[in-house]
Amino acid sequence: MATKQSLPPVANFPLELTTAVMAEAARDADRVGQFMVALGLRIDPKTPLPLPERFLRYLAVALRLLNWEAQGFSFHREDGLPAADEVIDAAFRSLNDPKAEPTELCIRVMRLSVEKLAWHAPTELGADVSLGEAEEELLLEALADFLWTNRPH
């Protein structure tokens, strides 16, 4: 029997991390809304369209992956996750499958967001910035150049 993965309480995370995760969740919601409008669905608060929560979570994670792929990122594929179009397909299939559950995928994508991307880049730069492994020699050379350029005269 598989056990559900439990997450530590939010209070145990740094404020910067929780702020970044909340901001990304807001961007997910915006992407879902824009996607629905692009499909031709009318968004009207007076006549809400009730959709299953699991469908919306699948769609949110799929559109985040699609956003990454549009920016040229593939670290989710390298981590064994499906391509965005596969997850979009799974989202729509989940409408007819009450057993479809995106939670594990959502957790893995959130973990990749936290580990691989600069937390403040979307807010400050308007784009995701991938944090790759630094080559120590290049990093030291760049640091030396910076220090030399900014030395007191």
C-alpha atoms as a PDB file:
ATOM      1  CA  MET A   1       0.000   0.000   0.000  1.00  0.00           C
ATOM      2  CA  ALA A   2       1.422   3.372  -1.020  1.00  0.00           C
ATOM      3  CA  THR A   3       1.578   6.051   1.615  1.00  0.00           C
ATOM      4  CA  LYS A   4       0.710   9.630   0.893  1.00  0.00           C
ATOM      5  CA  GLN A   5       3.622  12.011   0.982  1.00  0.00           C
ATOM      6  CA  SER A   6       3.119  14.556   3.740  1.00  0.00           C
ATOM      7  CA  LEU A   7       4.438  18.077   3.525  1.00  0.00           C
ATOM      8  CA  PRO A   8       5.888  20.026   6.443  1.00  0.00           C
ATOM      9  CA  PRO A   9       3.768  22.895   7.829  1.00  0.00           C
ATOM     10  CA  VAL A  10       3.988  26.136   5.851  1.00  0.00           C
ATOM     11  CA  ALA A  11       5.322  27.895   8.956  1.00  0.00           C
ATOM     12  CA  ASN A  12       8.554  25.903   8.561  1.00  0.00           C
ATOM     13  CA  PHE A  13       9.338  27.508   5.185  1.00  0.00           C
ATOM     14  CA  PRO A  14      11.066  30.864   4.651  1.00  0.00           C
ATOM     15  CA  LEU A  15       8.707  33.777   3.972  1.00  0.00           C
ATOM     16  CA  GLU A  16      10.379  34.409   0.583  1.00  0.00           C
ATOM     17  CA  LEU A  17       9.598  30.836  -0.466  1.00  0.00           C
ATOM     18  CA  THR A  18       5.949  30.924   0.573  1.00  0.00           C
ATOM     19  CA  THR A  19       5.540  34.310  -1.105  1.00  0.00           C
ATOM     20  CA  ALA A  20       7.050  32.960  -4.345  1.00  0.00           C
ATOM     21  CA  VAL A  21       4.847  29.839  -4.264  1.00  0.00           C
ATOM     22  CA  MET A  22       1.730  31.957  -3.697  1.00  0.00           C
ATOM     23  CA  ALA A  23       2.689  34.273  -6.570  1.00  0.00           C
ATOM     24  CA  GLU A  24       3.205  31.281  -8.869  1.00  0.00           C
ATOM     25  CA  ALA A  25      -0.203  29.894  -7.842  1.00  0.00           C
ATOM     26  CA  ALA A  26      -1.763  33.235  -8.809  1.00  0.00           C
ATOM     27  CA  ARG A  27       0.006  33.048 -12.194  1.00  0.00           C
ATOM     28  CA  ASP A  28      -1.324  29.482 -12.579  1.00  0.00           C
ATOM     29  CA  ALA A  29      -4.874  30.753 -11.981  1.00  0.00           C
ATOM     30  CA  ASP A  30      -4.380  33.559 -14.508  1.00  0.00           C
ATOM     31  CA  ARG A  31      -3.095  31.084 -17.110  1.00  0.00           C
ATOM     32  CA  VAL A  32      -6.123  28.819 -16.547  1.00  0.00           C
ATOM     33  CA  GLY A  33      -8.483  31.785 -16.967  1.00  0.00           C
ATOM     34  CA  GLN A  34      -6.727  32.919 -20.156  1.00  0.00           C
ATOM     35  CA  PHE A  35      -6.825  29.353 -21.501  1.00  0.00           C
ATOM     36  CA  MET A  36     -10.573  29.115 -20.855  1.00  0.00           C
ATOM     37  CA  VAL A  37     -11.151  32.407 -22.650  1.00  0.00           C
ATOM     38  CA  ALA A  38      -8.993  31.204 -25.569  1.00  0.00           C
ATOM     39  CA  LEU A  39     -11.227  28.097 -25.760  1.00  0.00           C
ATOM     40  CA  GLY A  40     -14.193  30.438 -26.182  1.00  0.00           C
ATOM     41  CA  LEU A  41     -15.697  30.055 -22.723  1.00  0.00           C
ATOM     42  CA  ARG A  42     -17.373  33.184 -21.410  1.00  0.00           C
ATOM     43  CA  ILE A  43     -16.052  34.231 -18.034  1.00  0.00           C
ATOM     44  CA  ASP A  44     -18.933  35.843 -16.170  1.00  0.00           C
ATOM     45  CA  PRO A  45     -19.155  36.087 -12.362  1.00  0.00           C
ATOM     46  CA  LYS A  46     -22.975  36.153 -12.605  1.00  0.00           C
ATOM     47  CA  THR A  47     -23.099  32.713 -14.227  1.00  0.00           C
ATOM     48  CA  PRO A  48     -20.121  30.723 -12.944  1.00  0.00           C
ATOM     49  CA  LEU A  49     -19.125  27.536 -14.711  1.00  0.00           C
ATOM     50  CA  PRO A  50     -18.517  24.892 -12.063  1.00  0.00           C
ATOM     51  CA  LEU A  51     -15.548  22.701 -12.992  1.00  0.00           C
ATOM     52  CA  PRO A  52     -14.029  19.839 -11.014  1.00  0.00           C
ATOM     53  CA  GLU A  53     -11.163  20.908  -8.770  1.00  0.00           C
ATOM     54  CA  ARG A  54      -8.906  18.086 -10.035  1.00  0.00           C
ATOM     55  CA  PHE A  55      -9.444  19.258 -13.648  1.00  0.00           C
ATOM     56  CA  LEU A  56      -8.438  22.812 -12.710  1.00  0.00           C
ATOM     57  CA  ARG A  57      -5.331  21.580 -10.842  1.00  0.00           C
ATOM     58  CA  TYR A  58      -4.356  19.357 -13.806  1.00  0.00           C
ATOM     59  CA  LEU A  59      -4.861  22.258 -16.180  1.00  0.00           C
ATOM     60  CA  ALA A  60      -2.901  24.674 -13.971  1.00  0.00           C
ATOM     61  CA  VAL A  61       0.105  22.358 -13.764  1.00  0.00           C
ATOM     62  CA  ALA A  62      -0.111  21.585 -17.497  1.00  0.00           C
ATOM     63  CA  LEU A  63      -0.103  25.283 -18.387  1.00  0.00           C
ATOM     64  CA  ARG A  64       2.861  25.903 -16.079  1.00  0.00           C
ATOM     65  CA  LEU A  65       4.745  23.156 -17.934  1.00  0.00           C
ATOM     66  CA  LEU A  66       3.661  24.666 -21.249  1.00  0.00           C
ATOM     67  CA  ASN A  67       4.981  28.048 -20.084  1.00  0.00           C
ATOM     68  CA  TRP A  68       8.319  26.446 -19.192  1.00  0.00           C
ATOM     69  CA  GLU A  69       8.511  24.677 -22.549  1.00  0.00           C
ATOM     70  CA  ALA A  70       7.718  27.919 -24.391  1.00  0.00           C
ATOM     71  CA  GLN A  71      10.709  29.487 -22.597  1.00  0.00           C
ATOM     72  CA  GLY A  72      12.945  26.593 -23.668  1.00  0.00           C
ATOM     73  CA  PHE A  73      13.153  24.823 -20.298  1.00  0.00           C
ATOM     74  CA  SER A  74      13.192  21.033 -20.258  1.00  0.00           C
ATOM     75  CA  PHE A  75      14.290  20.220 -16.711  1.00  0.00           C
ATOM     76  CA  HIS A  76      10.843  18.725 -16.000  1.00  0.00           C
ATOM     77  CA  ARG A  77      11.359  16.228 -18.831  1.00  0.00           C
ATOM     78  CA  GLU A  78      14.853  15.433 -17.524  1.00  0.00           C
ATOM     79  CA  ASP A  79      13.211  14.755 -14.149  1.00  0.00           C
ATOM     80  CA  GLY A  80      10.870  12.191 -15.718  1.00  0.00           C
ATOM     81  CA  LEU A  81       7.750  14.335 -15.922  1.00  0.00           C
ATOM     82  CA  PRO A  82       5.494  14.319 -18.991  1.00  0.00           C
ATOM     83  CA  ALA A  83       5.393  17.022 -21.645  1.00  0.00           C
ATOM     84  CA  ALA A  84       2.808  19.783 -21.252  1.00  0.00           C
ATOM     85  CA  ASP A  85       0.580  18.497 -24.068  1.00  0.00           C
ATOM     86  CA  GLU A  86       0.341  15.103 -22.344  1.00  0.00           C
ATOM     87  CA  VAL A  87      -0.760  16.764 -19.107  1.00  0.00           C
ATOM     88  CA  ILE A  88      -3.320  18.918 -20.943  1.00  0.00           C
ATOM     89  CA  ASP A  89      -4.714  15.704 -22.420  1.00  0.00           C
ATOM     90  CA  ALA A  90      -4.757  14.117 -18.938  1.00  0.00           C
ATOM     91  CA  ALA A  91      -6.614  17.173 -17.605  1.00  0.00           C
ATOM     92  CA  PHE A  92      -9.418  16.764 -20.116  1.00  0.00           C
ATOM     93  CA  ARG A  93      -9.522  12.990 -19.604  1.00  0.00           C
ATOM     94  CA  SER A  94      -9.896  13.628 -15.865  1.00  0.00           C
ATOM     95  CA  LEU A  95     -13.327  15.133 -16.539  1.00  0.00           C
ATOM     96  CA  ASN A  96     -14.575  11.579 -17.175  1.00  0.00           C
ATOM     97  CA  ASP A  97     -12.301   9.808 -14.696  1.00  0.00           C
ATOM     98  CA  PRO A  98     -13.136  10.412 -11.034  1.00  0.00           C
ATOM     99  CA  LYS A  99     -10.012   8.454 -10.045  1.00  0.00           C
ATOM    100  CA  ALA A 100      -7.644  10.817 -11.894  1.00  0.00           C
ATOM    101  CA  GLU A 101      -5.524  12.592  -9.307  1.00  0.00           C
ATOM    102  CA  PRO A 102      -2.969  15.307 -10.144  1.00  0.00           C
ATOM    103  CA  THR A 103      -1.660  15.845  -6.594  1.00  0.00           C
ATOM    104  CA  GLU A 104       1.655  13.980  -6.989  1.00  0.00           C
ATOM    105  CA  LEU A 105       2.361  15.735 -10.301  1.00  0.00           C
ATOM    106  CA  CYS A 106       1.517  19.122  -8.754  1.00  0.00           C
ATOM    107  CA  ILE A 107       3.906  18.476  -5.858  1.00  0.00           C
ATOM    108  CA  ARG A 108       6.721  17.423  -8.188  1.00  0.00           C
ATOM    109  CA  VAL A 109       6.243  20.485 -10.406  1.00  0.00           C
ATOM    110  CA  MET A 110       6.124  22.793  -7.383  1.00  0.00           C
ATOM    111  CA  ARG A 111       9.319  21.212  -6.070  1.00  0.00           C
ATOM    112  CA  LEU A 112      11.026  21.781  -9.441  1.00  0.00           C
ATOM    113  CA  SER A 113       9.822  25.402  -9.435  1.00  0.00           C
ATOM    114  CA  VAL A 114      11.394  25.943  -6.033  1.00  0.00           C
ATOM    115  CA  GLU A 115      14.629  24.104  -6.799  1.00  0.00           C
ATOM    116  CA  LYS A 116      15.295  25.125 -10.402  1.00  0.00           C
ATOM    117  CA  LEU A 117      13.927  28.653 -10.805  1.00  0.00           C
ATOM    118  CA  ALA A 118      14.794  32.029  -9.316  1.00  0.00           C
ATOM    119  CA  TRP A 119      11.908  32.802  -6.974  1.00  0.00           C
ATOM    120  CA  HIS A 120      11.614  36.523  -7.700  1.00  0.00           C
ATOM    121  CA  ALA A 121      12.407  36.503 -11.423  1.00  0.00           C
ATOM    122  CA  PRO A 122       8.793  36.464 -12.702  1.00  0.00           C
ATOM    123  CA  THR A 123       7.930  39.507 -10.580  1.00  0.00           C
ATOM    124  CA  GLU A 124      11.147  41.442 -11.123  1.00  0.00           C
ATOM    125  CA  LEU A 125      12.051  40.391 -14.685  1.00  0.00           C
ATOM    126  CA  GLY A 126       8.745  39.207 -16.136  1.00  0.00           C
ATOM    127  CA  ALA A 127      10.150  35.764 -16.965  1.00  0.00           C
ATOM    128  CA  ASP A 128      11.346  32.588 -15.326  1.00  0.00           C
ATOM    129  CA  VAL A 129      15.075  32.268 -14.794  1.00  0.00           C
ATOM    130  CA  SER A 130      16.539  28.788 -14.505  1.00  0.00           C
ATOM    131  CA  LEU A 131      19.251  28.310 -11.919  1.00  0.00           C
ATOM    132  CA  GLY A 132      21.749  25.895 -13.439  1.00  0.00           C
ATOM    133  CA  GLU A 133      24.766  24.424 -11.779  1.00  0.00           C
ATOM    134  CA  ALA A 134      27.608  26.924 -11.777  1.00  0.00           C
ATOM    135  CA  GLU A 135      30.983  25.901 -13.136  1.00  0.00           C
ATOM    136  CA  GLU A 136      33.369  26.795 -10.339  1.00  0.00           C
ATOM    137  CA  GLU A 137      36.188  28.065 -12.571  1.00  0.00           C
ATOM    138  CA  LEU A 138      33.879  30.328 -14.616  1.00  0.00           C
ATOM    139  CA  LEU A 139      32.257  31.616 -11.458  1.00  0.00           C
ATOM    140  CA  LEU A 140      35.612  32.501  -9.905  1.00  0.00           C
ATOM    141  CA  GLU A 141      36.730  34.201 -13.118  1.00  0.00           C
ATOM    142  CA  ALA A 142      33.526  36.287 -13.235  1.00  0.00           C
ATOM    143  CA  LEU A 143      33.951  37.196  -9.574  1.00  0.00           C
ATOM    144  CA  ALA A 144      37.576  38.241 -10.163  1.00  0.00           C
ATOM    145  CA  ASP A 145      36.525  40.389 -13.153  1.00  0.00           C
ATOM    146  CA  PHE A 146      33.781  42.034 -11.098  1.00  0.00           C
ATOM    147  CA  LEU A 147      36.109  42.746  -8.186  1.00  0.00           C
ATOM    148  CA  TRP A 148      38.831  44.095 -10.481  1.00  0.00           C
ATOM    149  CA  THR A 149      36.391  46.379 -12.290  1.00  0.00           C
ATOM    150  CA  ASN A 150      34.948  47.681  -9.019  1.00  0.00           C
ATOM    151  CA  ARG A 151      38.172  48.047  -7.045  1.00  0.00           C
ATOM    152  CA  PRO A 152      38.834  51.364  -5.320  1.00  0.00           C
ATOM    153  CA  HIS A 153      41.235  53.511  -7.326  1.00  0.00           C
END
